[in-house]
Structure formats: structure tokens, C-alpha cells
Amino acid sequence: MSAQATSSSIASRAAAAAAPAISQSAESKPKPCCVCKDEKAKRDECMLFSKAADPQKDCLTTIDQYRSCMAGFGFKV
């Protein structure tokens, strides 16, 4: 019984030591909703108010700007 208690105690300490490292890296990466707000607003405005038959083609430059901005933060769009 004491061997099990020792191994579970060691495992719980190792997990506790690893948890701050994981949460720190997660905290350092911003949420996707919090970055590239200007680019996203321009993209959305272009798509919503485009008079073209295919708004996606009409707004390709703003879409690419948003994608490159998001890629800069490590997000794949």
C-alpha cells in the first residue's frame, strides 16, 4: 500500500509541476477573437456590402490580409 501511495504522490507532484508550464504557454497565445480585429472588420464589411456577384472574389485582398494576420499569431484560417 505504501508503494502505491508513494507512486501516486510522485505522479500528482509531476502533474502539478507540468500544469503551470502548459497553462503559461496557453496564456501567452492570444485567443483568435482578440487579434486582427481591424482586418476582420474590413473583411466583414467588404463581404457584407459588396455589390459584386461573387463577394469572395471581390474581397480577396482583404481576406488575404486577415489570413496573413491570423497566421502571424499562429492560427490557420
PDB file of N, CA and C in Angstrom:
ATOM      1  N   MET A   1       0.818  -1.182   0.000  1.00  0.00           N
ATOM      2  CA  MET A   1       0.000   0.000   0.000  1.00  0.00           C
ATOM      3  C   MET A   1       0.865   1.250   0.000  1.00  0.00           C
ATOM      4  N   SER A   2       1.971   1.269   0.732  1.00  0.00           N
ATOM      5  CA  SER A   2       2.784   2.476   0.793  1.00  0.00           C
ATOM      6  C   SER A   2       3.496   2.718  -0.533  1.00  0.00           C
ATOM      7  N   ALA A   3       3.777   1.660  -1.305  1.00  0.00           N
ATOM      8  CA  ALA A   3       4.396   1.837  -2.615  1.00  0.00           C
ATOM      9  C   ALA A   3       3.412   2.518  -3.563  1.00  0.00           C
ATOM     10  N   GLN A   4       2.137   2.150  -3.473  1.00  0.00           N
ATOM     11  CA  GLN A   4       1.130   2.794  -4.303  1.00  0.00           C
ATOM     12  C   GLN A   4       0.960   4.260  -3.900  1.00  0.00           C
ATOM     13  N   ALA A   5       0.960   4.524  -2.623  1.00  0.00           N
ATOM     14  CA  ALA A   5       0.800   5.894  -2.143  1.00  0.00           C
ATOM     15  C   ALA A   5       1.978   6.747  -2.591  1.00  0.00           C
ATOM     16  N   THR A   6       3.189   6.178  -2.561  1.00  0.00           N
ATOM     17  CA  THR A   6       4.376   6.917  -2.972  1.00  0.00           C
ATOM     18  C   THR A   6       4.335   7.206  -4.468  1.00  0.00           C
ATOM     19  N   SER A   7       3.979   6.197  -5.277  1.00  0.00           N
ATOM     20  CA  SER A   7       3.958   6.416  -6.722  1.00  0.00           C
ATOM     21  C   SER A   7       2.846   7.387  -7.116  1.00  0.00           C
ATOM     22  N   SER A   8       1.695   7.334  -6.464  1.00  0.00           N
ATOM     23  CA  SER A   8       0.626   8.281  -6.791  1.00  0.00           C
ATOM     24  C   SER A   8       0.994   9.679  -6.318  1.00  0.00           C
ATOM     25  N   SER A   9       1.727   9.765  -5.229  1.00  0.00           N
ATOM     26  CA  SER A   9       2.175  11.059  -4.733  1.00  0.00           C
ATOM     27  C   SER A   9       3.175  11.683  -5.704  1.00  0.00           C
ATOM     28  N   ILE A  10       4.076  10.867  -6.229  1.00  0.00           N
ATOM     29  CA  ILE A  10       5.060  11.346  -7.202  1.00  0.00           C
ATOM     30  C   ILE A  10       4.358  11.768  -8.490  1.00  0.00           C
ATOM     31  N   ALA A  11       3.382  10.974  -8.931  1.00  0.00           N
ATOM     32  CA  ALA A  11       2.648  11.293 -10.154  1.00  0.00           C
ATOM     33  C   ALA A  11       1.866  12.592 -10.004  1.00  0.00           C
ATOM     34  N   SER A  12       1.258  12.801  -8.842  1.00  0.00           N
ATOM     35  CA  SER A  12       0.484  14.027  -8.651  1.00  0.00           C
ATOM     36  C   SER A  12       1.398  15.244  -8.588  1.00  0.00           C
ATOM     37  N   ARG A  13       2.593  15.087  -8.017  1.00  0.00           N
ATOM     38  CA  ARG A  13       3.548  16.209  -7.991  1.00  0.00           C
ATOM     39  C   ARG A  13       4.054  16.515  -9.394  1.00  0.00           C
ATOM     40  N   ALA A  14       4.283  15.481 -10.193  1.00  0.00           N
ATOM     41  CA  ALA A  14       4.751  15.687 -11.569  1.00  0.00           C
ATOM     42  C   ALA A  14       3.671  16.378 -12.399  1.00  0.00           C
ATOM     43  N   ALA A  15       2.434  15.991 -12.208  1.00  0.00           N
ATOM     44  CA  ALA A  15       1.334  16.624 -12.938  1.00  0.00           C
ATOM     45  C   ALA A  15       1.177  18.076 -12.515  1.00  0.00           C
ATOM     46  N   ALA A  16       1.333  18.342 -11.231  1.00  0.00           N
ATOM     47  CA  ALA A  16       1.226  19.711 -10.731  1.00  0.00           C
ATOM     48  C   ALA A  16       2.361  20.574 -11.279  1.00  0.00           C
ATOM     49  N   ALA A  17       3.542  20.000 -11.417  1.00  0.00           N
ATOM     50  CA  ALA A  17       4.681  20.748 -11.955  1.00  0.00           C
ATOM     51  C   ALA A  17       4.496  21.015 -13.442  1.00  0.00           C
ATOM     52  N   ALA A  18       3.884  20.090 -14.165  1.00  0.00           N
ATOM     53  CA  ALA A  18       3.680  20.253 -15.602  1.00  0.00           C
ATOM     54  C   ALA A  18       2.522  21.199 -15.903  1.00  0.00           C
ATOM     55  N   ALA A  19       1.545  21.290 -15.049  1.00  0.00           N
ATOM     56  CA  ALA A  19       0.366  22.119 -15.291  1.00  0.00           C
ATOM     57  C   ALA A  19       0.701  23.595 -15.479  1.00  0.00           C
ATOM     58  N   PRO A  20       1.563  24.197 -14.639  1.00  0.00           N
ATOM     59  CA  PRO A  20       1.867  25.610 -14.873  1.00  0.00           C
ATOM     60  C   PRO A  20       2.558  25.858 -16.214  1.00  0.00           C
ATOM     61  N   ALA A  21       3.392  24.950 -16.657  1.00  0.00           N
ATOM     62  CA  ALA A  21       4.069  25.133 -17.937  1.00  0.00           C
ATOM     63  C   ALA A  21       3.072  25.100 -19.082  1.00  0.00           C
ATOM     64  N   ILE A  22       2.111  24.222 -19.017  1.00  0.00           N
ATOM     65  CA  ILE A  22       1.091  24.131 -20.061  1.00  0.00           C
ATOM     66  C   ILE A  22       0.202  25.372 -20.035  1.00  0.00           C
ATOM     67  N   SER A  23      -0.218  25.797 -18.854  1.00  0.00           N
ATOM     68  CA  SER A  23      -1.110  26.947 -18.778  1.00  0.00           C
ATOM     69  C   SER A  23      -0.391  28.230 -19.151  1.00  0.00           C
ATOM     70  N   GLN A  24       0.911  28.330 -18.880  1.00  0.00           N
ATOM     71  CA  GLN A  24       1.659  29.526 -19.263  1.00  0.00           C
ATOM     72  C   GLN A  24       1.742  29.648 -20.779  1.00  0.00           C
ATOM     73  N   SER A  25       1.988  28.534 -21.492  1.00  0.00           N
ATOM     74  CA  SER A  25       2.063  28.618 -22.946  1.00  0.00           C
ATOM     75  C   SER A  25       0.693  28.908 -23.530  1.00  0.00           C
ATOM     76  N   ALA A  26      -0.359  28.387 -22.918  1.00  0.00           N
ATOM     77  CA  ALA A  26      -1.710  28.661 -23.391  1.00  0.00           C
ATOM     78  C   ALA A  26      -2.085  30.118 -23.120  1.00  0.00           C
ATOM     79  N   GLU A  27      -1.609  30.655 -22.016  1.00  0.00           N
ATOM     80  CA  GLU A  27      -1.894  32.044 -21.685  1.00  0.00           C
ATOM     81  C   GLU A  27      -1.126  33.003 -22.585  1.00  0.00           C
ATOM     82  N   SER A  28       0.061  32.621 -23.042  1.00  0.00           N
ATOM     83  CA  SER A  28       0.856  33.518 -23.861  1.00  0.00           C
ATOM     84  C   SER A  28       0.287  33.641 -25.277  1.00  0.00           C
ATOM     85  N   LYS A  29      -0.453  32.632 -25.734  1.00  0.00           N
ATOM     86  CA  LYS A  29      -1.063  32.685 -27.058  1.00  0.00           C
ATOM     87  C   LYS A  29      -2.439  33.334 -26.914  1.00  0.00           C
ATOM     88  N   PRO A  30      -2.673  34.429 -27.637  1.00  0.00           N
ATOM     89  CA  PRO A  30      -3.974  35.091 -27.515  1.00  0.00           C
ATOM     90  C   PRO A  30      -5.090  34.272 -28.146  1.00  0.00           C
ATOM     91  N   LYS A  31      -6.292  34.598 -27.775  1.00  0.00           N
ATOM     92  CA  LYS A  31      -7.466  33.940 -28.353  1.00  0.00           C
ATOM     93  C   LYS A  31      -7.689  34.492 -29.753  1.00  0.00           C
ATOM     94  N   PRO A  32      -8.218  33.686 -30.666  1.00  0.00           N
ATOM     95  CA  PRO A  32      -8.420  34.158 -32.041  1.00  0.00           C
ATOM     96  C   PRO A  32      -9.380  35.344 -32.141  1.00  0.00           C
ATOM     97  N   CYS A  33     -10.274  35.475 -31.194  1.00  0.00           N
ATOM     98  CA  CYS A  33     -11.229  36.590 -31.253  1.00  0.00           C
ATOM     99  C   CYS A  33     -10.595  37.916 -30.857  1.00  0.00           C
ATOM    100  N   CYS A  34      -9.406  37.855 -30.251  1.00  0.00           N
ATOM    101  CA  CYS A  34      -8.790  39.057 -29.704  1.00  0.00           C
ATOM    102  C   CYS A  34      -7.689  39.639 -30.588  1.00  0.00           C
ATOM    103  N   VAL A  35      -7.407  39.030 -31.717  1.00  0.00           N
ATOM    104  CA  VAL A  35      -6.354  39.520 -32.601  1.00  0.00           C
ATOM    105  C   VAL A  35      -6.942  39.863 -33.970  1.00  0.00           C
ATOM    106  N   CYS A  36      -6.252  40.693 -34.695  1.00  0.00           N
ATOM    107  CA  CYS A  36      -6.617  41.060 -36.079  1.00  0.00           C
ATOM    108  C   CYS A  36      -8.027  41.637 -36.172  1.00  0.00           C
ATOM    109  N   LYS A  37      -8.415  42.424 -35.202  1.00  0.00           N
ATOM    110  CA  LYS A  37      -9.774  42.966 -35.180  1.00  0.00           C
ATOM    111  C   LYS A  37     -10.027  43.915 -36.349  1.00  0.00           C
ATOM    112  N   ASP A  38      -9.053  44.758 -36.678  1.00  0.00           N
ATOM    113  CA  ASP A  38      -9.247  45.696 -37.786  1.00  0.00           C
ATOM    114  C   ASP A  38      -9.389  44.964 -39.113  1.00  0.00           C
ATOM    115  N   GLU A  39      -8.512  43.971 -39.328  1.00  0.00           N
ATOM    116  CA  GLU A  39      -8.562  43.203 -40.571  1.00  0.00           C
ATOM    117  C   GLU A  39      -9.875  42.435 -40.691  1.00  0.00           C
ATOM    118  N   LYS A  40     -10.332  41.899 -39.570  1.00  0.00           N
ATOM    119  CA  LYS A  40     -11.591  41.151 -39.574  1.00  0.00           C
ATOM    120  C   LYS A  40     -12.762  42.076 -39.875  1.00  0.00           C
ATOM    121  N   ALA A  41     -12.760  43.275 -39.293  1.00  0.00           N
ATOM    122  CA  ALA A  41     -13.839  44.227 -39.537  1.00  0.00           C
ATOM    123  C   ALA A  41     -13.874  44.656 -41.002  1.00  0.00           C
ATOM    124  N   LYS A  42     -12.699  44.905 -41.585  1.00  0.00           N
ATOM    125  CA  LYS A  42     -12.630  45.283 -43.001  1.00  0.00           C
ATOM    126  C   LYS A  42     -13.117  44.145 -43.888  1.00  0.00           C
ATOM    127  N   ARG A  43     -12.712  42.918 -43.553  1.00  0.00           N
ATOM    128  CA  ARG A  43     -13.144  41.748 -44.323  1.00  0.00           C
ATOM    129  C   ARG A  43     -14.656  41.587 -44.259  1.00  0.00           C
ATOM    130  N   ASP A  44     -15.205  41.679 -43.056  1.00  0.00           N
ATOM    131  CA  ASP A  44     -16.648  41.516 -42.877  1.00  0.00           C
ATOM    132  C   ASP A  44     -17.433  42.610 -43.600  1.00  0.00           C
ATOM    133  N   GLU A  45     -16.957  43.840 -43.494  1.00  0.00           N
ATOM    134  CA  GLU A  45     -17.632  44.958 -44.155  1.00  0.00           C
ATOM    135  C   GLU A  45     -17.614  44.776 -45.668  1.00  0.00           C
ATOM    136  N   CYS A  46     -16.473  44.353 -46.190  1.00  0.00           N
ATOM    137  CA  CYS A  46     -16.364  44.129 -47.630  1.00  0.00           C
ATOM    138  C   CYS A  46     -17.327  43.030 -48.083  1.00  0.00           C
ATOM    139  N   MET A  47     -17.361  41.937 -47.343  1.00  0.00           N
ATOM    140  CA  MET A  47     -18.220  40.819 -47.725  1.00  0.00           C
ATOM    141  C   MET A  47     -19.707  41.183 -47.617  1.00  0.00           C
ATOM    142  N   LEU A  48     -20.079  41.923 -46.607  1.00  0.00           N
ATOM    143  CA  LEU A  48     -21.488  42.258 -46.391  1.00  0.00           C
ATOM    144  C   LEU A  48     -22.021  43.297 -47.363  1.00  0.00           C
ATOM    145  N   PHE A  49     -21.177  44.267 -47.701  1.00  0.00           N
ATOM    146  CA  PHE A  49     -21.660  45.381 -48.507  1.00  0.00           C
ATOM    147  C   PHE A  49     -21.170  45.352 -49.947  1.00  0.00           C
ATOM    148  N   SER A  50     -20.598  44.240 -50.362  1.00  0.00           N
ATOM    149  CA  SER A  50     -20.121  44.120 -51.735  1.00  0.00           C
ATOM    150  C   SER A  50     -21.313  44.025 -52.686  1.00  0.00           C
ATOM    151  N   LYS A  51     -21.228  44.741 -53.790  1.00  0.00           N
ATOM    152  CA  LYS A  51     -22.287  44.715 -54.799  1.00  0.00           C
ATOM    153  C   LYS A  51     -21.967  43.723 -55.907  1.00  0.00           C
ATOM    154  N   ALA A  52     -20.816  43.037 -55.792  1.00  0.00           N
ATOM    155  CA  ALA A  52     -20.385  42.097 -56.820  1.00  0.00           C
ATOM    156  C   ALA A  52     -21.216  40.820 -56.758  1.00  0.00           C
ATOM    157  N   ALA A  53     -21.244  40.106 -57.869  1.00  0.00           N
ATOM    158  CA  ALA A  53     -21.969  38.831 -57.921  1.00  0.00           C
ATOM    159  C   ALA A  53     -21.299  37.799 -57.026  1.00  0.00           C
ATOM    160  N   ASP A  54     -19.972  37.874 -56.920  1.00  0.00           N
ATOM    161  CA  ASP A  54     -19.212  36.960 -56.063  1.00  0.00           C
ATOM    162  C   ASP A  54     -18.384  37.785 -55.072  1.00  0.00           C
ATOM    163  N   PRO A  55     -18.930  38.084 -53.895  1.00  0.00           N
ATOM    164  CA  PRO A  55     -18.208  38.917 -52.923  1.00  0.00           C
ATOM    165  C   PRO A  55     -16.864  38.336 -52.491  1.00  0.00           C
ATOM    166  N   GLN A  56     -16.745  37.015 -52.503  1.00  0.00           N
ATOM    167  CA  GLN A  56     -15.487  36.406 -52.080  1.00  0.00           C
ATOM    168  C   GLN A  56     -14.345  36.794 -53.016  1.00  0.00           C
ATOM    169  N   LYS A  57     -14.607  36.821 -54.307  1.00  0.00           N
ATOM    170  CA  LYS A  57     -13.580  37.237 -55.271  1.00  0.00           C
ATOM    171  C   LYS A  57     -13.338  38.736 -55.175  1.00  0.00           C
ATOM    172  N   ASP A  58     -14.391  39.497 -54.949  1.00  0.00           N
ATOM    173  CA  ASP A  58     -14.281  40.946 -54.855  1.00  0.00           C
ATOM    174  C   ASP A  58     -13.447  41.369 -53.645  1.00  0.00           C
ATOM    175  N   CYS A  59     -13.525  40.617 -52.573  1.00  0.00           N
ATOM    176  CA  CYS A  59     -12.852  40.962 -51.316  1.00  0.00           C
ATOM    177  C   CYS A  59     -11.607  40.123 -51.059  1.00  0.00           C
ATOM    178  N   LEU A  60     -11.050  39.544 -52.080  1.00  0.00           N
ATOM    179  CA  LEU A  60      -9.914  38.631 -51.911  1.00  0.00           C
ATOM    180  C   LEU A  60      -8.728  39.283 -51.207  1.00  0.00           C
ATOM    181  N   THR A  61      -8.439  40.537 -51.495  1.00  0.00           N
ATOM    182  CA  THR A  61      -7.284  41.184 -50.852  1.00  0.00           C
ATOM    183  C   THR A  61      -7.511  41.357 -49.349  1.00  0.00           C
ATOM    184  N   THR A  62      -8.718  41.745 -48.946  1.00  0.00           N
ATOM    185  CA  THR A  62      -8.976  41.909 -47.509  1.00  0.00           C
ATOM    186  C   THR A  62      -9.011  40.552 -46.805  1.00  0.00           C
ATOM    187  N   ILE A  63      -9.484  39.540 -47.482  1.00  0.00           N
ATOM    188  CA  ILE A  63      -9.491  38.190 -46.915  1.00  0.00           C
ATOM    189  C   ILE A  63      -8.053  37.704 -46.718  1.00  0.00           C
ATOM    190  N   ASP A  64      -7.198  37.948 -47.710  1.00  0.00           N
ATOM    191  CA  ASP A  64      -5.793  37.543 -47.603  1.00  0.00           C
ATOM    192  C   ASP A  64      -5.070  38.303 -46.491  1.00  0.00           C
ATOM    193  N   GLN A  65      -5.391  39.578 -46.308  1.00  0.00           N
ATOM    194  CA  GLN A  65      -4.791  40.355 -45.224  1.00  0.00           C
ATOM    195  C   GLN A  65      -5.187  39.768 -43.869  1.00  0.00           C
ATOM    196  N   TYR A  66      -6.434  39.383 -43.734  1.00  0.00           N
ATOM    197  CA  TYR A  66      -6.909  38.778 -42.486  1.00  0.00           C
ATOM    198  C   TYR A  66      -6.227  37.433 -42.247  1.00  0.00           C
ATOM    199  N   ARG A  67      -6.126  36.617 -43.285  1.00  0.00           N
ATOM    200  CA  ARG A  67      -5.468  35.312 -43.154  1.00  0.00           C
ATOM    201  C   ARG A  67      -4.003  35.456 -42.755  1.00  0.00           C
ATOM    202  N   SER A  68      -3.300  36.386 -43.372  1.00  0.00           N
ATOM    203  CA  SER A  68      -1.878  36.562 -43.040  1.00  0.00           C
ATOM    204  C   SER A  68      -1.703  37.110 -41.631  1.00  0.00           C
ATOM    205  N   CYS A  69      -2.607  37.959 -41.210  1.00  0.00           N
ATOM    206  CA  CYS A  69      -2.556  38.475 -39.834  1.00  0.00           C
ATOM    207  C   CYS A  69      -2.762  37.331 -38.842  1.00  0.00           C
ATOM    208  N   MET A  70      -3.759  36.499 -39.092  1.00  0.00           N
ATOM    209  CA  MET A  70      -4.039  35.373 -38.197  1.00  0.00           C
ATOM    210  C   MET A  70      -2.875  34.373 -38.203  1.00  0.00           C
ATOM    211  N   ALA A  71      -2.282  34.156 -39.356  1.00  0.00           N
ATOM    212  CA  ALA A  71      -1.135  33.244 -39.448  1.00  0.00           C
ATOM    213  C   ALA A  71       0.036  33.782 -38.630  1.00  0.00           C
ATOM    214  N   GLY A  72       0.165  35.091 -38.538  1.00  0.00           N
ATOM    215  CA  GLY A  72       1.214  35.688 -37.733  1.00  0.00           C
ATOM    216  C   GLY A  72       1.081  35.368 -36.251  1.00  0.00           C
ATOM    217  N   PHE A  73      -0.124  35.093 -35.822  1.00  0.00           N
ATOM    218  CA  PHE A  73      -0.357  34.713 -34.437  1.00  0.00           C
ATOM    219  C   PHE A  73      -0.440  33.197 -34.248  1.00  0.00           C
ATOM    220  N   GLY A  74      -0.222  32.457 -35.331  1.00  0.00           N
ATOM    221  CA  GLY A  74      -0.202  31.002 -35.238  1.00  0.00           C
ATOM    222  C   GLY A  74      -1.533  30.323 -35.500  1.00  0.00           C
ATOM    223  N   PHE A  75      -2.498  31.051 -36.050  1.00  0.00           N
ATOM    224  CA  PHE A  75      -3.803  30.476 -36.338  1.00  0.00           C
ATOM    225  C   PHE A  75      -3.903  30.173 -37.827  1.00  0.00           C
ATOM    226  N   LYS A  76      -4.485  29.035 -38.153  1.00  0.00           N
ATOM    227  CA  LYS A  76      -4.680  28.651 -39.553  1.00  0.00           C
ATOM    228  C   LYS A  76      -6.144  28.869 -39.902  1.00  0.00           C
ATOM    229  N   VAL A  77      -6.381  29.771 -40.840  1.00  0.00           N
ATOM    230  CA  VAL A  77      -7.751  30.107 -41.240  1.00  0.00           C
ATOM    231  C   VAL A  77      -7.996  29.596 -42.625  1.00  0.00           C
TER     232      VAL A  77
END
